[in-house]
Amino acid sequence: MIANTGIEVIISSFLGVFIAQFIKFAYYYVVNRKLNFKMFTITGGMPSSHSSFSVALTTSVGFVSGFSSVEFAIALGFAGVVMYDAAGLRRAAGKTAALLNKMVNDYYSEKESKANQEKLMEVLGHTPFEVLMGAILGITIACFLHYVVLCGTCVPVVY
């Protein structure tokens, strides 16, 4: 049985990552009419797969262990750090990379060819809205998995 076990938590959290990355892949295809399988591995973009993973994990831990448990408190702290990092530090690193790429591009445009120029990855972090949408996606996935798929009901079960 998967319901109300650690397996539910694992499935919920990894579904959060996969569905968020699939949304990015599908959006890229709709906009560009090209398949880009790298979209499954990139960081940044809408929705935040980091937020989706950590919030789905936290929500599932709440369902399995209780929302007043120590395990839920630990998972909630983990989710907070992950989301803060995604919208703060990694976003700042992406902005720095964009500025450095522009500076290098300007330097080499005056000097020589850009043949050996390597660009830094600019899309590293998320806007607060992307983090929020990832969190909402994570809650939705955990609730759907717990109440509809595993418990077979759309009504929360009171223990």
C-alpha atoms as a PDB file:
ATOM      1  CA  MET A   1       0.000   0.000   0.000  1.00  0.00           C
ATOM      2  CA  ILE A   2       1.364   3.404  -1.013  1.00  0.00           C
ATOM      3  CA  ALA A   3      -1.102   5.745   0.725  1.00  0.00           C
ATOM      4  CA  ASN A   4       0.124   7.367   3.933  1.00  0.00           C
ATOM      5  CA  THR A   5       3.696   6.083   3.582  1.00  0.00           C
ATOM      6  CA  GLY A   6       7.047   7.510   2.608  1.00  0.00           C
ATOM      7  CA  ILE A   7       6.441   6.164  -0.905  1.00  0.00           C
ATOM      8  CA  GLU A   8       3.566   8.648  -1.271  1.00  0.00           C
ATOM      9  CA  VAL A   9       5.937  11.465  -0.297  1.00  0.00           C
ATOM     10  CA  ILE A  10       8.582  10.334  -2.799  1.00  0.00           C
ATOM     11  CA  ILE A  11       6.087   9.914  -5.661  1.00  0.00           C
ATOM     12  CA  SER A  12       4.458  13.269  -4.936  1.00  0.00           C
ATOM     13  CA  SER A  13       7.722  15.198  -4.861  1.00  0.00           C
ATOM     14  CA  PHE A  14       9.155  13.651  -8.027  1.00  0.00           C
ATOM     15  CA  LEU A  15       5.852  14.133  -9.839  1.00  0.00           C
ATOM     16  CA  GLY A  16       6.171  17.801  -8.865  1.00  0.00           C
ATOM     17  CA  VAL A  17       9.543  18.075 -10.607  1.00  0.00           C
ATOM     18  CA  PHE A  18       8.506  16.100 -13.673  1.00  0.00           C
ATOM     19  CA  ILE A  19       5.228  17.950 -14.245  1.00  0.00           C
ATOM     20  CA  ALA A  20       6.877  21.370 -13.798  1.00  0.00           C
ATOM     21  CA  GLN A  21       9.616  20.468 -16.278  1.00  0.00           C
ATOM     22  CA  PHE A  22       7.043  19.009 -18.699  1.00  0.00           C
ATOM     23  CA  ILE A  23       5.099  22.299 -18.573  1.00  0.00           C
ATOM     24  CA  LYS A  24       8.298  24.143 -19.555  1.00  0.00           C
ATOM     25  CA  PHE A  25       8.904  21.644 -22.382  1.00  0.00           C
ATOM     26  CA  ALA A  26       5.327  21.936 -23.692  1.00  0.00           C
ATOM     27  CA  TYR A  27       5.372  25.740 -23.483  1.00  0.00           C
ATOM     28  CA  TYR A  28       8.642  25.894 -25.436  1.00  0.00           C
ATOM     29  CA  TYR A  29       7.162  23.635 -28.118  1.00  0.00           C
ATOM     30  CA  VAL A  30       3.977  25.716 -28.440  1.00  0.00           C
ATOM     31  CA  VAL A  31       5.915  28.984 -28.728  1.00  0.00           C
ATOM     32  CA  ASN A  32       8.793  27.806 -30.956  1.00  0.00           C
ATOM     33  CA  ARG A  33       7.285  24.816 -32.787  1.00  0.00           C
ATOM     34  CA  LYS A  34      10.465  22.856 -32.042  1.00  0.00           C
ATOM     35  CA  LEU A  35      11.135  19.985 -29.671  1.00  0.00           C
ATOM     36  CA  ASN A  36      13.850  20.906 -27.195  1.00  0.00           C
ATOM     37  CA  PHE A  37      14.535  18.059 -24.791  1.00  0.00           C
ATOM     38  CA  LYS A  38      17.021  20.261 -22.897  1.00  0.00           C
ATOM     39  CA  MET A  39      13.944  21.925 -21.377  1.00  0.00           C
ATOM     40  CA  PHE A  40      13.650  18.864 -19.117  1.00  0.00           C
ATOM     41  CA  THR A  41      16.994  19.677 -17.493  1.00  0.00           C
ATOM     42  CA  ILE A  42      17.204  23.482 -17.387  1.00  0.00           C
ATOM     43  CA  THR A  43      16.852  25.530 -14.231  1.00  0.00           C
ATOM     44  CA  GLY A  44      14.769  28.675 -14.120  1.00  0.00           C
ATOM     45  CA  GLY A  45      11.570  29.426 -15.966  1.00  0.00           C
ATOM     46  CA  MET A  46       7.893  28.978 -15.251  1.00  0.00           C
ATOM     47  CA  PRO A  47       6.896  27.207 -13.028  1.00  0.00           C
ATOM     48  CA  SER A  48       9.701  26.609 -10.571  1.00  0.00           C
ATOM     49  CA  SER A  49      10.370  22.880 -10.408  1.00  0.00           C
ATOM     50  CA  HIS A  50      12.392  23.434  -7.231  1.00  0.00           C
ATOM     51  CA  SER A  51       9.351  24.962  -5.539  1.00  0.00           C
ATOM     52  CA  SER A  52       7.045  22.314  -6.949  1.00  0.00           C
ATOM     53  CA  PHE A  53       9.298  19.530  -5.627  1.00  0.00           C
ATOM     54  CA  SER A  54       9.793  20.979  -2.153  1.00  0.00           C
ATOM     55  CA  VAL A  55       6.169  22.034  -1.604  1.00  0.00           C
ATOM     56  CA  ALA A  56       4.779  18.707  -2.904  1.00  0.00           C
ATOM     57  CA  LEU A  57       7.159  16.952  -0.504  1.00  0.00           C
ATOM     58  CA  THR A  58       6.103  19.217   2.384  1.00  0.00           C
ATOM     59  CA  THR A  59       2.389  18.821   1.681  1.00  0.00           C
ATOM     60  CA  SER A  60       2.700  15.038   1.429  1.00  0.00           C
ATOM     61  CA  VAL A  61       4.664  14.892   4.673  1.00  0.00           C
ATOM     62  CA  GLY A  62       1.812  16.867   6.254  1.00  0.00           C
ATOM     63  CA  PHE A  63      -0.744  14.354   4.989  1.00  0.00           C
ATOM     64  CA  VAL A  64       1.283  11.340   6.110  1.00  0.00           C
ATOM     65  CA  SER A  65       2.735  12.557   9.424  1.00  0.00           C
ATOM     66  CA  GLY A  66       0.332  15.343  10.336  1.00  0.00           C
ATOM     67  CA  PHE A  67       0.606  19.081   9.891  1.00  0.00           C
ATOM     68  CA  SER A  68       1.702  19.531  13.509  1.00  0.00           C
ATOM     69  CA  SER A  69       4.489  16.931  13.358  1.00  0.00           C
ATOM     70  CA  VAL A  70       8.228  17.536  13.614  1.00  0.00           C
ATOM     71  CA  GLU A  71       8.660  15.958  10.169  1.00  0.00           C
ATOM     72  CA  PHE A  72       6.309  18.538   8.636  1.00  0.00           C
ATOM     73  CA  ALA A  73       8.164  21.372  10.378  1.00  0.00           C
ATOM     74  CA  ILE A  74      11.483  20.127   8.977  1.00  0.00           C
ATOM     75  CA  ALA A  75      10.028  19.757   5.476  1.00  0.00           C
ATOM     76  CA  LEU A  76       8.497  23.252   5.696  1.00  0.00           C
ATOM     77  CA  GLY A  77      11.870  24.713   6.653  1.00  0.00           C
ATOM     78  CA  PHE A  78      13.496  22.881   3.750  1.00  0.00           C
ATOM     79  CA  ALA A  79      10.864  24.218   1.320  1.00  0.00           C
ATOM     80  CA  GLY A  80      11.368  27.751   2.604  1.00  0.00           C
ATOM     81  CA  VAL A  81      15.123  27.595   2.042  1.00  0.00           C
ATOM     82  CA  VAL A  82      14.706  26.091  -1.442  1.00  0.00           C
ATOM     83  CA  MET A  83      12.188  28.729  -2.532  1.00  0.00           C
ATOM     84  CA  TYR A  84      14.202  31.594  -1.055  1.00  0.00           C
ATOM     85  CA  ASP A  85      17.305  30.332  -2.849  1.00  0.00           C
ATOM     86  CA  ALA A  86      15.452  29.927  -6.163  1.00  0.00           C
ATOM     87  CA  ALA A  87      14.068  33.472  -6.110  1.00  0.00           C
ATOM     88  CA  GLY A  88      17.023  35.133  -4.418  1.00  0.00           C
ATOM     89  CA  LEU A  89      20.546  33.822  -4.745  1.00  0.00           C
ATOM     90  CA  ARG A  90      20.201  31.851  -7.985  1.00  0.00           C
ATOM     91  CA  ARG A  91      18.238  34.679  -9.636  1.00  0.00           C
ATOM     92  CA  ALA A  92      20.992  37.147  -8.693  1.00  0.00           C
ATOM     93  CA  ALA A  93      23.594  34.741 -10.123  1.00  0.00           C
ATOM     94  CA  GLY A  94      21.628  34.625 -13.386  1.00  0.00           C
ATOM     95  CA  LYS A  95      21.522  38.420 -13.602  1.00  0.00           C
ATOM     96  CA  THR A  96      25.267  38.546 -12.954  1.00  0.00           C
ATOM     97  CA  ALA A  97      25.869  35.976 -15.706  1.00  0.00           C
ATOM     98  CA  ALA A  98      23.803  38.065 -18.152  1.00  0.00           C
ATOM     99  CA  LEU A  99      25.833  41.168 -17.345  1.00  0.00           C
ATOM    100  CA  LEU A 100      29.138  39.306 -17.716  1.00  0.00           C
ATOM    101  CA  ASN A 101      28.010  37.843 -21.054  1.00  0.00           C
ATOM    102  CA  LYS A 102      27.163  41.339 -22.295  1.00  0.00           C
ATOM    103  CA  MET A 103      30.518  42.725 -21.147  1.00  0.00           C
ATOM    104  CA  VAL A 104      32.453  39.911 -22.853  1.00  0.00           C
ATOM    105  CA  ASN A 105      30.339  40.299 -25.990  1.00  0.00           C
ATOM    106  CA  ASP A 106      31.024  44.057 -26.106  1.00  0.00           C
ATOM    107  CA  TYR A 107      34.755  43.490 -25.550  1.00  0.00           C
ATOM    108  CA  TYR A 108      35.099  40.899 -28.306  1.00  0.00           C
ATOM    109  CA  SER A 109      32.905  42.786 -30.765  1.00  0.00           C
ATOM    110  CA  GLU A 110      35.613  45.444 -30.884  1.00  0.00           C
ATOM    111  CA  LYS A 111      38.630  43.097 -30.878  1.00  0.00           C
ATOM    112  CA  GLU A 112      38.242  39.805 -32.732  1.00  0.00           C
ATOM    113  CA  SER A 113      35.920  36.959 -33.612  1.00  0.00           C
ATOM    114  CA  LYS A 114      33.728  35.353 -30.996  1.00  0.00           C
ATOM    115  CA  ALA A 115      34.734  31.819 -31.992  1.00  0.00           C
ATOM    116  CA  ASN A 116      36.237  30.856 -28.627  1.00  0.00           C
ATOM    117  CA  GLN A 117      33.810  32.803 -26.478  1.00  0.00           C
ATOM    118  CA  GLU A 118      31.859  30.653 -24.013  1.00  0.00           C
ATOM    119  CA  LYS A 119      28.607  32.072 -22.640  1.00  0.00           C
ATOM    120  CA  LEU A 120      27.543  31.690 -19.038  1.00  0.00           C
ATOM    121  CA  MET A 121      24.116  30.233 -18.315  1.00  0.00           C
ATOM    122  CA  GLU A 122      21.786  33.140 -17.540  1.00  0.00           C
ATOM    123  CA  VAL A 123      18.506  31.439 -16.618  1.00  0.00           C
ATOM    124  CA  LEU A 124      19.350  30.105 -13.181  1.00  0.00           C
ATOM    125  CA  GLY A 125      16.736  31.434 -10.798  1.00  0.00           C
ATOM    126  CA  HIS A 126      13.101  32.394 -10.712  1.00  0.00           C
ATOM    127  CA  THR A 127      10.933  35.426 -10.251  1.00  0.00           C
ATOM    128  CA  PRO A 128       8.789  35.374  -7.107  1.00  0.00           C
ATOM    129  CA  PHE A 129       5.749  34.682  -9.324  1.00  0.00           C
ATOM    130  CA  GLU A 130       7.421  31.590 -10.851  1.00  0.00           C
ATOM    131  CA  VAL A 131       8.235  30.362  -7.336  1.00  0.00           C
ATOM    132  CA  LEU A 132       4.622  30.945  -6.246  1.00  0.00           C
ATOM    133  CA  MET A 133       3.262  29.058  -9.271  1.00  0.00           C
ATOM    134  CA  GLY A 134       5.644  26.163  -8.555  1.00  0.00           C
ATOM    135  CA  ALA A 135       4.428  26.080  -4.949  1.00  0.00           C
ATOM    136  CA  ILE A 136       0.774  26.045  -6.036  1.00  0.00           C
ATOM    137  CA  LEU A 137       1.573  23.255  -8.507  1.00  0.00           C
ATOM    138  CA  GLY A 138       3.278  21.250  -5.723  1.00  0.00           C
ATOM    139  CA  ILE A 139       0.294  21.609  -3.380  1.00  0.00           C
ATOM    140  CA  THR A 140      -2.086  20.630  -6.187  1.00  0.00           C
ATOM    141  CA  ILE A 141      -0.075  17.531  -7.092  1.00  0.00           C
ATOM    142  CA  ALA A 142       0.218  16.377  -3.472  1.00  0.00           C
ATOM    143  CA  CYS A 143      -3.506  16.898  -2.827  1.00  0.00           C
ATOM    144  CA  PHE A 144      -4.504  15.165  -6.056  1.00  0.00           C
ATOM    145  CA  LEU A 145      -2.229  12.198  -5.381  1.00  0.00           C
ATOM    146  CA  HIS A 146      -3.321  11.850  -1.764  1.00  0.00           C
ATOM    147  CA  TYR A 147      -7.081  12.381  -2.057  1.00  0.00           C
ATOM    148  CA  VAL A 148      -7.978  11.274  -5.585  1.00  0.00           C
ATOM    149  CA  VAL A 149      -5.439   8.682  -6.668  1.00  0.00           C
ATOM    150  CA  LEU A 150      -4.507   6.960  -3.412  1.00  0.00           C
ATOM    151  CA  CYS A 151      -7.555   7.438  -1.198  1.00  0.00           C
ATOM    152  CA  GLY A 152     -10.110   7.341  -4.011  1.00  0.00           C
ATOM    153  CA  THR A 153     -12.074  10.329  -2.835  1.00  0.00           C
ATOM    154  CA  CYS A 154     -12.137  14.065  -3.444  1.00  0.00           C
ATOM    155  CA  VAL A 155     -13.170  14.746   0.151  1.00  0.00           C
ATOM    156  CA  PRO A 156     -10.449  15.090   2.806  1.00  0.00           C
ATOM    157  CA  VAL A 157     -10.479  12.225   5.271  1.00  0.00           C
ATOM    158  CA  VAL A 158     -10.507  13.319   8.915  1.00  0.00           C
ATOM    159  CA  TYR A 159      -8.335  11.063  11.066  1.00  0.00           C
END
